[in-house]
C-alpha atoms as a PDB file:
ATOM      1  CA  MET A   1     106.573 113.529 131.380  1.00  0.00           C
ATOM      2  CA  VAL A   2     110.380 113.163 131.311  1.00  0.00           C
ATOM      3  CA  VAL A   3     110.104 109.431 132.030  1.00  0.00           C
ATOM      4  CA  PHE A   4     107.447 109.075 129.318  1.00  0.00           C
ATOM      5  CA  GLN A   5     109.577 110.774 126.684  1.00  0.00           C
ATOM      6  CA  LEU A   6     112.677 108.769 127.626  1.00  0.00           C
ATOM      7  CA  SER A   7     110.729 105.507 127.412  1.00  0.00           C
ATOM      8  CA  ARG A   8     109.404 106.477 123.976  1.00  0.00           C
ATOM      9  CA  ARG A   9     112.968 106.905 122.752  1.00  0.00           C
ATOM     10  CA  VAL A  10     113.604 103.303 123.684  1.00  0.00           C
ATOM     11  CA  ILE A  11     110.594 101.813 121.878  1.00  0.00           C
ATOM     12  CA  LEU A  12     110.484 104.288 118.989  1.00  0.00           C
ATOM     13  CA  PRO A  13     112.513 102.211 116.465  1.00  0.00           C
ATOM     14  CA  ASP A  14     109.904  99.402 116.480  1.00  0.00           C
ATOM     15  CA  GLU A  15     106.837 101.451 117.409  1.00  0.00           C
ATOM     16  CA  ALA A  16     105.646 102.155 113.870  1.00  0.00           C
ATOM     17  CA  ARG A  17     105.883  98.487 112.894  1.00  0.00           C
ATOM     18  CA  LEU A  18     104.034  97.333 116.022  1.00  0.00           C
ATOM     19  CA  ARG A  19     101.250  99.853 115.471  1.00  0.00           C
ATOM     20  CA  HIS A  20     100.918  98.837 111.815  1.00  0.00           C
ATOM     21  CA  ASP A  21     100.695  95.145 112.756  1.00  0.00           C
ATOM     22  CA  PHE A  22      97.975  95.929 115.312  1.00  0.00           C
ATOM     23  CA  HIS A  23      96.041  97.924 112.705  1.00  0.00           C
ATOM     24  CA  LEU A  24      96.084  94.959 110.307  1.00  0.00           C
ATOM     25  CA  ALA A  25      94.924  92.642 113.090  1.00  0.00           C
ATOM     26  CA  VAL A  26      91.904  94.877 113.774  1.00  0.00           C
ATOM     27  CA  GLN A  27      91.036  94.934 110.063  1.00  0.00           C
ATOM     28  CA  ASN A  28      91.182  91.142 109.860  1.00  0.00           C
ATOM     29  CA  ARG A  29      89.126  90.694 113.032  1.00  0.00           C
ATOM     30  CA  PHE A  30      86.377  93.136 111.982  1.00  0.00           C
ATOM     31  CA  PRO A  31      86.093  92.922 108.169  1.00  0.00           C
ATOM     32  CA  GLU A  32      82.603  94.488 108.030  1.00  0.00           C
ATOM     33  CA  ALA A  33      83.743  97.568 109.910  1.00  0.00           C
ATOM     34  CA  ALA A  34      86.824  97.770 107.667  1.00  0.00           C
ATOM     35  CA  ARG A  35      84.576  97.733 104.583  1.00  0.00           C
ATOM     36  CA  ASN A  36      82.425 100.474 106.122  1.00  0.00           C
ATOM     37  CA  LEU A  37      85.465 102.724 106.380  1.00  0.00           C
ATOM     38  CA  ALA A  38      86.817 101.717 102.961  1.00  0.00           C
ATOM     39  CA  ASP A  39      83.593 102.890 101.317  1.00  0.00           C
ATOM     40  CA  ARG A  40      84.309 106.405 102.590  1.00  0.00           C
ATOM     41  CA  LEU A  41      87.895 106.527 101.355  1.00  0.00           C
ATOM     42  CA  GLY A  42      89.648 107.077  98.053  1.00  0.00           C
ATOM     43  CA  ILE A  43      89.652 109.802  95.408  1.00  0.00           C
ATOM     44  CA  GLN A  44      86.232 111.396  95.092  1.00  0.00           C
ATOM     45  CA  SER A  45      85.200 113.895  92.433  1.00  0.00           C
ATOM     46  CA  ILE A  46      83.531 117.123  93.532  1.00  0.00           C
ATOM     47  CA  GLN A  47      80.666 117.138  91.047  1.00  0.00           C
ATOM     48  CA  GLU A  48      79.984 120.873  91.176  1.00  0.00           C
ATOM     49  CA  SER A  49      83.128 121.649  89.140  1.00  0.00           C
ATOM     50  CA  ILE A  50      81.797 123.528  86.094  1.00  0.00           C
ATOM     51  CA  GLY A  51      82.971 124.121  82.553  1.00  0.00           C
ATOM     52  CA  SER A  52      81.187 125.326  79.430  1.00  0.00           C
ATOM     53  CA  GLU A  53      81.760 125.516  75.699  1.00  0.00           C
ATOM     54  CA  ASN A  54      83.080 129.063  75.975  1.00  0.00           C
ATOM     55  CA  HIS A  55      84.905 128.436  79.236  1.00  0.00           C
ATOM     56  CA  PRO A  56      86.045 124.800  79.300  1.00  0.00           C
ATOM     57  CA  ALA A  57      87.011 123.128  82.559  1.00  0.00           C
ATOM     58  CA  LYS A  58      90.645 123.466  83.519  1.00  0.00           C
ATOM     59  CA  ASP A  59      93.042 120.864  84.869  1.00  0.00           C
ATOM     60  CA  ARG A  60      92.215 118.285  87.507  1.00  0.00           C
ATOM     61  CA  VAL A  61      93.347 119.181  91.019  1.00  0.00           C
ATOM     62  CA  ILE A  62      93.627 116.521  93.725  1.00  0.00           C
ATOM     63  CA  LEU A  63      93.438 117.719  97.350  1.00  0.00           C
ATOM     64  CA  VAL A  64      95.204 115.562  99.959  1.00  0.00           C
ATOM     65  CA  HIS A  65      94.506 116.195 103.666  1.00  0.00           C
ATOM     66  CA  GLY A  66      96.877 115.697 106.574  1.00  0.00           C
ATOM     67  CA  LEU A  67      96.998 113.969 109.947  1.00  0.00           C
ATOM     68  CA  ASP A  68      93.809 113.839 112.036  1.00  0.00           C
ATOM     69  CA  ASP A  69      91.872 115.948 109.575  1.00  0.00           C
ATOM     70  CA  PRO A  70      88.145 115.128 109.648  1.00  0.00           C
ATOM     71  CA  GLY A  71      87.611 116.368 106.098  1.00  0.00           C
ATOM     72  CA  ILE A  72      86.962 120.083 106.582  1.00  0.00           C
ATOM     73  CA  ILE A  73      90.370 121.539 105.708  1.00  0.00           C
ATOM     74  CA  TRP A  74      89.299 122.201 102.090  1.00  0.00           C
ATOM     75  CA  LYS A  75      85.944 123.876 102.768  1.00  0.00           C
ATOM     76  CA  ASP A  76      87.166 127.330 101.680  1.00  0.00           C
ATOM     77  CA  LEU A  77      89.507 126.247  98.879  1.00  0.00           C
ATOM     78  CA  VAL A  78      87.091 123.980  96.981  1.00  0.00           C
ATOM     79  CA  PRO A  79      84.540 126.722  96.102  1.00  0.00           C
ATOM     80  CA  VAL A  80      87.326 128.959  94.801  1.00  0.00           C
ATOM     81  CA  LEU A  81      88.728 126.179  92.609  1.00  0.00           C
ATOM     82  CA  GLN A  82      85.240 125.408  91.321  1.00  0.00           C
ATOM     83  CA  LYS A  83      84.603 129.062  90.539  1.00  0.00           C
ATOM     84  CA  ASN A  84      87.800 129.071  88.504  1.00  0.00           C
ATOM     85  CA  ARG A  85      86.635 125.947  86.611  1.00  0.00           C
ATOM     86  CA  TYR A  86      89.129 123.452  87.998  1.00  0.00           C
ATOM     87  CA  ARG A  87      87.983 119.849  88.172  1.00  0.00           C
ATOM     88  CA  VAL A  88      88.372 119.092  91.864  1.00  0.00           C
ATOM     89  CA  PHE A  89      89.013 115.726  93.482  1.00  0.00           C
ATOM     90  CA  VAL A  90      89.471 115.002  97.196  1.00  0.00           C
ATOM     91  CA  MET A  91      91.715 112.179  98.337  1.00  0.00           C
ATOM     92  CA  SER A  92      90.667 110.634 101.692  1.00  0.00           C
ATOM     93  CA  TYR A  93      92.699 107.959 103.448  1.00  0.00           C
ATOM     94  CA  PRO A  94      93.136 106.400 106.932  1.00  0.00           C
ATOM     95  CA  ASN A  95      95.334 109.225 108.144  1.00  0.00           C
ATOM     96  CA  ASP A  96      96.524 107.573 111.373  1.00  0.00           C
ATOM     97  CA  GLN A  97      98.115 104.597 109.616  1.00  0.00           C
ATOM     98  CA  ALA A  98     101.766 104.405 108.567  1.00  0.00           C
ATOM     99  CA  ILE A  99     102.548 107.018 105.911  1.00  0.00           C
ATOM    100  CA  GLN A 100     103.870 104.383 103.520  1.00  0.00           C
ATOM    101  CA  ALA A 101     100.543 102.544 103.753  1.00  0.00           C
ATOM    102  CA  SER A 102      98.792 105.803 102.828  1.00  0.00           C
ATOM    103  CA  SER A 103     101.114 106.448  99.875  1.00  0.00           C
ATOM    104  CA  GLN A 104     100.460 102.908  98.617  1.00  0.00           C
ATOM    105  CA  PHE A 105      96.723 103.565  98.956  1.00  0.00           C
ATOM    106  CA  PHE A 106      97.063 106.856  97.055  1.00  0.00           C
ATOM    107  CA  PHE A 107      99.029 105.087  94.311  1.00  0.00           C
ATOM    108  CA  ASP A 108      96.312 102.448  93.953  1.00  0.00           C
ATOM    109  CA  GLN A 109      93.550 105.050  93.854  1.00  0.00           C
ATOM    110  CA  ILE A 110      95.152 107.432  91.369  1.00  0.00           C
ATOM    111  CA  GLN A 111      95.312 104.674  88.758  1.00  0.00           C
ATOM    112  CA  ASP A 112      91.540 104.981  88.368  1.00  0.00           C
ATOM    113  CA  LEU A 113      91.909 108.585  87.194  1.00  0.00           C
ATOM    114  CA  VAL A 114      94.075 107.742  84.195  1.00  0.00           C
ATOM    115  CA  ARG A 115      91.437 105.335  82.892  1.00  0.00           C
ATOM    116  CA  ASP A 116      88.959 108.208  82.504  1.00  0.00           C
ATOM    117  CA  ASP A 117      91.421 110.897  81.426  1.00  0.00           C
ATOM    118  CA  PRO A 118      95.149 110.508  80.642  1.00  0.00           C
ATOM    119  CA  ASP A 119      95.905 114.217  81.096  1.00  0.00           C
ATOM    120  CA  PRO A 120      98.274 115.383  83.873  1.00  0.00           C
ATOM    121  CA  VAL A 121      97.023 116.380  87.320  1.00  0.00           C
ATOM    122  CA  SER A 122      98.058 118.915  89.939  1.00  0.00           C
ATOM    123  CA  ILE A 123      98.115 118.086  93.652  1.00  0.00           C
ATOM    124  CA  VAL A 124      97.586 120.404  96.614  1.00  0.00           C
ATOM    125  CA  ALA A 125      98.539 118.710  99.876  1.00  0.00           C
ATOM    126  CA  HIS A 126      98.134 120.005 103.417  1.00  0.00           C
ATOM    127  CA  SER A 127     100.476 119.033 106.244  1.00  0.00           C
ATOM    128  CA  MET A 128     101.211 115.280 106.296  1.00  0.00           C
ATOM    129  CA  GLY A 129      99.371 114.934 102.982  1.00  0.00           C
ATOM    130  CA  GLY A 130     102.481 116.409 101.388  1.00  0.00           C
ATOM    131  CA  LEU A 131     104.618 113.607 102.823  1.00  0.00           C
ATOM    132  CA  VAL A 132     102.137 110.992 101.607  1.00  0.00           C
ATOM    133  CA  THR A 133     102.316 112.496  98.113  1.00  0.00           C
ATOM    134  CA  ARG A 134     106.106 112.852  98.085  1.00  0.00           C
ATOM    135  CA  ASP A 135     106.475 109.234  99.193  1.00  0.00           C
ATOM    136  CA  MET A 136     104.078 108.037  96.489  1.00  0.00           C
ATOM    137  CA  LEU A 137     106.008 109.901  93.788  1.00  0.00           C
ATOM    138  CA  THR A 138     109.506 108.834  94.909  1.00  0.00           C
ATOM    139  CA  CYS A 139     109.160 105.428  96.612  1.00  0.00           C
ATOM    140  CA  PRO A 140     111.357 102.921  94.694  1.00  0.00           C
ATOM    141  CA  GLU A 141     108.931 100.075  95.400  1.00  0.00           C
ATOM    142  CA  LEU A 142     106.021 101.975  93.843  1.00  0.00           C
ATOM    143  CA  ASP A 143     108.168 103.388  91.005  1.00  0.00           C
ATOM    144  CA  TYR A 144     105.735 106.111  89.961  1.00  0.00           C
ATOM    145  CA  PRO A 145     107.866 107.223  86.958  1.00  0.00           C
ATOM    146  CA  ARG A 146     107.733 103.726  85.485  1.00  0.00           C
ATOM    147  CA  ALA A 147     103.972 103.462  86.083  1.00  0.00           C
ATOM    148  CA  ARG A 148     103.527 106.884  84.464  1.00  0.00           C
ATOM    149  CA  ALA A 149     105.569 105.863  81.412  1.00  0.00           C
ATOM    150  CA  ALA A 150     103.401 102.750  81.082  1.00  0.00           C
ATOM    151  CA  GLY A 151     100.234 104.857  81.214  1.00  0.00           C
ATOM    152  CA  HIS A 152      99.032 103.326  84.481  1.00  0.00           C
ATOM    153  CA  VAL A 153      99.002 106.629  86.401  1.00  0.00           C
ATOM    154  CA  PRO A 154      98.657 110.259  85.305  1.00  0.00           C
ATOM    155  CA  ALA A 155     101.638 112.570  85.189  1.00  0.00           C
ATOM    156  CA  VAL A 156     101.781 114.968  88.140  1.00  0.00           C
ATOM    157  CA  LYS A 157     102.820 118.327  86.783  1.00  0.00           C
ATOM    158  CA  GLN A 158     102.560 120.326  89.996  1.00  0.00           C
ATOM    159  CA  LEU A 159     102.714 119.683  93.741  1.00  0.00           C
ATOM    160  CA  ILE A 160     101.868 122.450  96.213  1.00  0.00           C
ATOM    161  CA  LEU A 161     102.794 121.658  99.814  1.00  0.00           C
ATOM    162  CA  VAL A 162     100.857 123.660 102.429  1.00  0.00           C
ATOM    163  CA  GLY A 163     102.317 123.540 105.944  1.00  0.00           C
ATOM    164  CA  THR A 164     104.019 120.204 105.248  1.00  0.00           C
ATOM    165  CA  PRO A 165     106.564 119.176 107.937  1.00  0.00           C
ATOM    166  CA  ASN A 166     109.175 117.987 105.454  1.00  0.00           C
ATOM    167  CA  GLN A 167     111.773 117.946 108.232  1.00  0.00           C
ATOM    168  CA  GLY A 168     109.342 116.721 110.906  1.00  0.00           C
ATOM    169  CA  THR A 169     107.761 118.328 113.939  1.00  0.00           C
ATOM    170  CA  HIS A 170     108.223 117.593 117.644  1.00  0.00           C
ATOM    171  CA  LEU A 171     104.611 118.623 118.255  1.00  0.00           C
ATOM    172  CA  ALA A 172     103.546 115.317 116.697  1.00  0.00           C
ATOM    173  CA  ARG A 173     104.150 113.916 120.205  1.00  0.00           C
ATOM    174  CA  PHE A 174     101.251 115.970 121.541  1.00  0.00           C
ATOM    175  CA  ARG A 175      98.539 115.413 118.906  1.00  0.00           C
ATOM    176  CA  ILE A 176      95.879 114.108 121.287  1.00  0.00           C
ATOM    177  CA  VAL A 177      93.675 117.206 120.790  1.00  0.00           C
ATOM    178  CA  THR A 178      93.516 116.841 116.999  1.00  0.00           C
ATOM    179  CA  GLU A 179      92.943 113.091 117.336  1.00  0.00           C
ATOM    180  CA  ILE A 180      89.974 113.672 119.662  1.00  0.00           C
ATOM    181  CA  ARG A 181      88.560 116.302 117.279  1.00  0.00           C
ATOM    182  CA  ASP A 182      88.870 113.900 114.349  1.00  0.00           C
ATOM    183  CA  GLN A 183      87.095 111.062 116.148  1.00  0.00           C
ATOM    184  CA  ILE A 184      84.293 113.258 117.509  1.00  0.00           C
ATOM    185  CA  TYR A 185      83.627 114.625 114.023  1.00  0.00           C
ATOM    186  CA  HIS A 186      83.375 111.137 112.512  1.00  0.00           C
ATOM    187  CA  LEU A 187      81.334 109.840 115.437  1.00  0.00           C
ATOM    188  CA  PHE A 188      78.429 112.065 114.375  1.00  0.00           C
ATOM    189  CA  LEU A 189      78.621 111.263 110.664  1.00  0.00           C
ATOM    190  CA  PRO A 190      75.776 108.969 109.530  1.00  0.00           C
ATOM    191  CA  GLY A 191      76.856 105.366 109.140  1.00  0.00           C
ATOM    192  CA  THR A 192      80.191 105.692 110.931  1.00  0.00           C
ATOM    193  CA  HIS A 193      81.197 102.426 112.617  1.00  0.00           C
ATOM    194  CA  TRP A 194      82.151 102.554 116.304  1.00  0.00           C
ATOM    195  CA  LEU A 195      85.549 100.999 115.455  1.00  0.00           C
ATOM    196  CA  HIS A 196      86.490 103.917 113.205  1.00  0.00           C
ATOM    197  CA  CYS A 197      88.997 105.157 115.792  1.00  0.00           C
ATOM    198  CA  LEU A 198      91.046 101.942 115.435  1.00  0.00           C
ATOM    199  CA  LEU A 199      90.502 101.237 111.747  1.00  0.00           C
ATOM    200  CA  ASP A 200      91.659 104.762 110.863  1.00  0.00           C
ATOM    201  CA  GLY A 201      95.077 103.706 112.133  1.00  0.00           C
ATOM    202  CA  THR A 202      96.766 103.467 115.485  1.00  0.00           C
ATOM    203  CA  GLY A 203      98.964 106.543 115.425  1.00  0.00           C
ATOM    204  CA  ALA A 204     101.899 105.176 113.411  1.00  0.00           C
ATOM    205  CA  ALA A 205     101.901 108.330 111.275  1.00  0.00           C
ATOM    206  CA  GLY A 206     102.455 110.485 114.343  1.00  0.00           C
ATOM    207  CA  VAL A 207     105.642 108.553 115.113  1.00  0.00           C
ATOM    208  CA  GLU A 208     106.913 109.015 111.565  1.00  0.00           C
ATOM    209  CA  LEU A 209     106.353 112.793 111.725  1.00  0.00           C
ATOM    210  CA  LEU A 210     108.971 113.207 114.447  1.00  0.00           C
ATOM    211  CA  PRO A 211     112.238 114.841 113.292  1.00  0.00           C
ATOM    212  CA  GLY A 212     114.856 112.221 112.472  1.00  0.00           C
ATOM    213  CA  SER A 213     112.335 109.386 112.103  1.00  0.00           C
ATOM    214  CA  ARG A 214     113.377 106.535 109.849  1.00  0.00           C
ATOM    215  CA  PHE A 215     110.603 107.394 107.427  1.00  0.00           C
ATOM    216  CA  LEU A 216     111.625 111.052 107.062  1.00  0.00           C
ATOM    217  CA  THR A 217     115.297 110.137 106.828  1.00  0.00           C
ATOM    218  CA  ARG A 218     114.645 107.768 103.924  1.00  0.00           C
ATOM    219  CA  LEU A 219     112.214 110.159 102.224  1.00  0.00           C
ATOM    220  CA  ASN A 220     114.575 113.146 102.385  1.00  0.00           C
ATOM    221  CA  GLN A 221     117.497 111.111 101.055  1.00  0.00           C
ATOM    222  CA  ARG A 222     115.672 110.558  97.768  1.00  0.00           C
ATOM    223  CA  PRO A 223     115.762 113.030  94.885  1.00  0.00           C
ATOM    224  CA  LEU A 224     112.695 115.207  94.499  1.00  0.00           C
ATOM    225  CA  PRO A 225     110.169 113.886  91.944  1.00  0.00           C
ATOM    226  CA  ALA A 226     111.327 114.586  88.413  1.00  0.00           C
ATOM    227  CA  ASP A 227     109.305 116.821  86.075  1.00  0.00           C
ATOM    228  CA  VAL A 228     107.064 118.013  88.928  1.00  0.00           C
ATOM    229  CA  GLN A 229     106.853 121.739  89.636  1.00  0.00           C
ATOM    230  CA  MET A 230     106.968 122.044  93.431  1.00  0.00           C
ATOM    231  CA  ASN A 231     106.123 124.950  95.733  1.00  0.00           C
ATOM    232  CA  ILE A 232     105.902 125.290  99.497  1.00  0.00           C
ATOM    233  CA  ILE A 233     103.502 127.497 101.449  1.00  0.00           C
ATOM    234  CA  ALA A 234     104.469 128.067 105.087  1.00  0.00           C
ATOM    235  CA  GLY A 235     102.230 129.710 107.680  1.00  0.00           C
ATOM    236  CA  MET A 236     103.393 132.169 110.330  1.00  0.00           C
ATOM    237  CA  ILE A 237     101.411 133.062 113.435  1.00  0.00           C
ATOM    238  CA  PHE A 238     103.433 136.269 113.745  1.00  0.00           C
ATOM    239  CA  PHE A 239     103.811 137.111 110.095  1.00  0.00           C
ATOM    240  CA  SER A 240     106.887 138.933 108.879  1.00  0.00           C
ATOM    241  CA  ARG A 241     108.267 139.403 105.373  1.00  0.00           C
ATOM    242  CA  GLN A 242     111.727 139.871 106.859  1.00  0.00           C
ATOM    243  CA  ASN A 243     113.790 137.062 108.345  1.00  0.00           C
ATOM    244  CA  CYS A 244     113.138 136.755 112.069  1.00  0.00           C
ATOM    245  CA  GLU A 245     114.498 133.649 113.772  1.00  0.00           C
ATOM    246  CA  VAL A 246     111.949 133.539 116.601  1.00  0.00           C
ATOM    247  CA  LYS A 247     108.923 134.115 114.357  1.00  0.00           C
ATOM    248  CA  GLU A 248     110.137 131.519 111.852  1.00  0.00           C
ATOM    249  CA  MET A 249     110.753 129.021 114.642  1.00  0.00           C
ATOM    250  CA  LEU A 250     107.151 129.464 115.843  1.00  0.00           C
ATOM    251  CA  GLY A 251     105.952 129.108 112.264  1.00  0.00           C
ATOM    252  CA  ASP A 252     102.278 128.173 112.034  1.00  0.00           C
ATOM    253  CA  GLY A 253     102.141 126.949 115.627  1.00  0.00           C
ATOM    254  CA  LEU A 254     102.663 123.303 114.681  1.00  0.00           C
ATOM    255  CA  VAL A 255     105.339 123.418 111.987  1.00  0.00           C
ATOM    256  CA  SER A 256     108.248 125.861 111.885  1.00  0.00           C
ATOM    257  CA  VAL A 257     109.125 127.585 108.631  1.00  0.00           C
ATOM    258  CA  ALA A 258     112.469 125.743 108.571  1.00  0.00           C
ATOM    259  CA  ALA A 259     110.690 122.385 108.920  1.00  0.00           C
ATOM    260  CA  THR A 260     108.732 123.002 105.716  1.00  0.00           C
ATOM    261  CA  ARG A 261     111.818 123.664 103.590  1.00  0.00           C
ATOM    262  CA  LEU A 262     113.244 121.470 100.849  1.00  0.00           C
ATOM    263  CA  ASP A 263     116.436 122.378  99.012  1.00  0.00           C
ATOM    264  CA  GLY A 264     115.685 124.027  95.699  1.00  0.00           C
ATOM    265  CA  VAL A 265     111.929 124.343  96.252  1.00  0.00           C
ATOM    266  CA  PRO A 266     110.480 127.898  96.302  1.00  0.00           C
ATOM    267  CA  LEU A 267     108.757 128.879  99.564  1.00  0.00           C
ATOM    268  CA  VAL A 268     106.046 131.476 100.173  1.00  0.00           C
ATOM    269  CA  ARG A 269     105.194 132.656 103.701  1.00  0.00           C
ATOM    270  CA  VAL A 270     101.595 133.546 104.566  1.00  0.00           C
ATOM    271  CA  PRO A 271     100.022 134.748 107.835  1.00  0.00           C
ATOM    272  CA  GLY A 272      98.048 132.212 109.840  1.00  0.00           C
ATOM    273  CA  THR A 273      98.143 129.072 111.912  1.00  0.00           C
ATOM    274  CA  HIS A 274      98.506 125.545 110.587  1.00  0.00           C
ATOM    275  CA  PHE A 275      94.773 125.529 109.860  1.00  0.00           C
ATOM    276  CA  SER A 276      93.683 129.163 109.524  1.00  0.00           C
ATOM    277  CA  MET A 277      96.083 129.825 106.652  1.00  0.00           C
ATOM    278  CA  ILE A 278      94.003 127.468 104.465  1.00  0.00           C
ATOM    279  CA  ARG A 279      90.499 127.566 105.998  1.00  0.00           C
ATOM    280  CA  ASN A 280      88.288 129.739 108.189  1.00  0.00           C
ATOM    281  CA  LEU A 281      87.730 128.454 111.687  1.00  0.00           C
ATOM    282  CA  THR A 282      84.092 129.579 111.858  1.00  0.00           C
ATOM    283  CA  ARG A 283      81.235 129.026 109.409  1.00  0.00           C
ATOM    284  CA  SER A 284      80.181 132.666 109.478  1.00  0.00           C
ATOM    285  CA  SER A 285      83.576 134.083 108.494  1.00  0.00           C
ATOM    286  CA  SER A 286      83.843 135.596 105.007  1.00  0.00           C
ATOM    287  CA  ARG A 287      87.615 136.034 105.242  1.00  0.00           C
ATOM    288  CA  VAL A 288      89.698 134.638 102.372  1.00  0.00           C
ATOM    289  CA  PRO A 289      92.328 132.355 103.952  1.00  0.00           C
ATOM    290  CA  PRO A 290      95.733 133.742 102.866  1.00  0.00           C
ATOM    291  CA  ALA A 291      97.002 130.505 101.313  1.00  0.00           C
ATOM    292  CA  VAL A 292      93.997 130.261  98.949  1.00  0.00           C
ATOM    293  CA  PRO A 293      94.948 133.059  96.493  1.00  0.00           C
ATOM    294  CA  VAL A 294      98.554 131.832  96.538  1.00  0.00           C
ATOM    295  CA  ILE A 295      97.417 128.333  95.561  1.00  0.00           C
ATOM    296  CA  LEU A 296      95.201 129.756  92.806  1.00  0.00           C
ATOM    297  CA  ASP A 297      98.096 131.804  91.449  1.00  0.00           C
ATOM    298  CA  LEU A 298     100.495 128.828  91.479  1.00  0.00           C
ATOM    299  CA  LEU A 299      97.954 126.604  89.714  1.00  0.00           C
ATOM    300  CA  GLY A 300      97.469 129.296  87.082  1.00  0.00           C
ATOM    301  CA  GLN A 301     101.201 129.460  86.416  1.00  0.00           C
ATOM    302  CA  ALA A 302     101.220 125.744  85.578  1.00  0.00           C
ATOM    303  CA  GLN A 303      98.433 125.966  82.972  1.00  0.00           C
END
């Protein structure tokens, strides 16, 4: 293990680029499989969102998942948003690819929303989804503020980051369990191509999640997105309202409380693991995940 980690430190500077190049090569070699995956990706509306003449639908909320998430992280939040008349959209992307590729994809997809409705949107992002969103909003090459001023993209009035490793996480080195879970889930979805595991990316995002990565260094050197109300929700396995260094270091089991922080951005702690703070781990559970009412309250404040 020591030899493995030392060798990774040697190849790390070029690892993300090499993985990205390999991903593109697979896409070019198997275009049909790439199209199969592309049909499943993008910003999809959840049609059950309801409004009426007496109770009109509220703002649009876009949900952005994180690394190796098979699409179930929002199963407990979506019904609550629908019940409260929010118009819900889910953003799906190849979560193993380089984060910058995902932010470019998000930028391309969100332009479709402004064609139907120019009103602002709110974004709730879990884990790495928060980094994808922050990069989209602040990347100089994408220049979201200029695109917004030109009417090409909607204004983002609120961004809620749930368990986002803004300062990185060393546990990204050991993500094999979540990767296996993601691939097994998709393997049993109807129509999934057998090359999904490669077309979904080759793990470049996991490299960029490591503390001190070039991606995180560049991202955190930029100013926070202007005119966007931001909030952070951090999970704690051993919840405490008082400062406790050990409990905060453990955080949600994958991301420490300190790793979620951004200067000047309010932070709320909730009990739970990286996943259980936002969703129930069993279908039969009727528990309300602790991050859900916090998200609802924050969205209400931005109305």
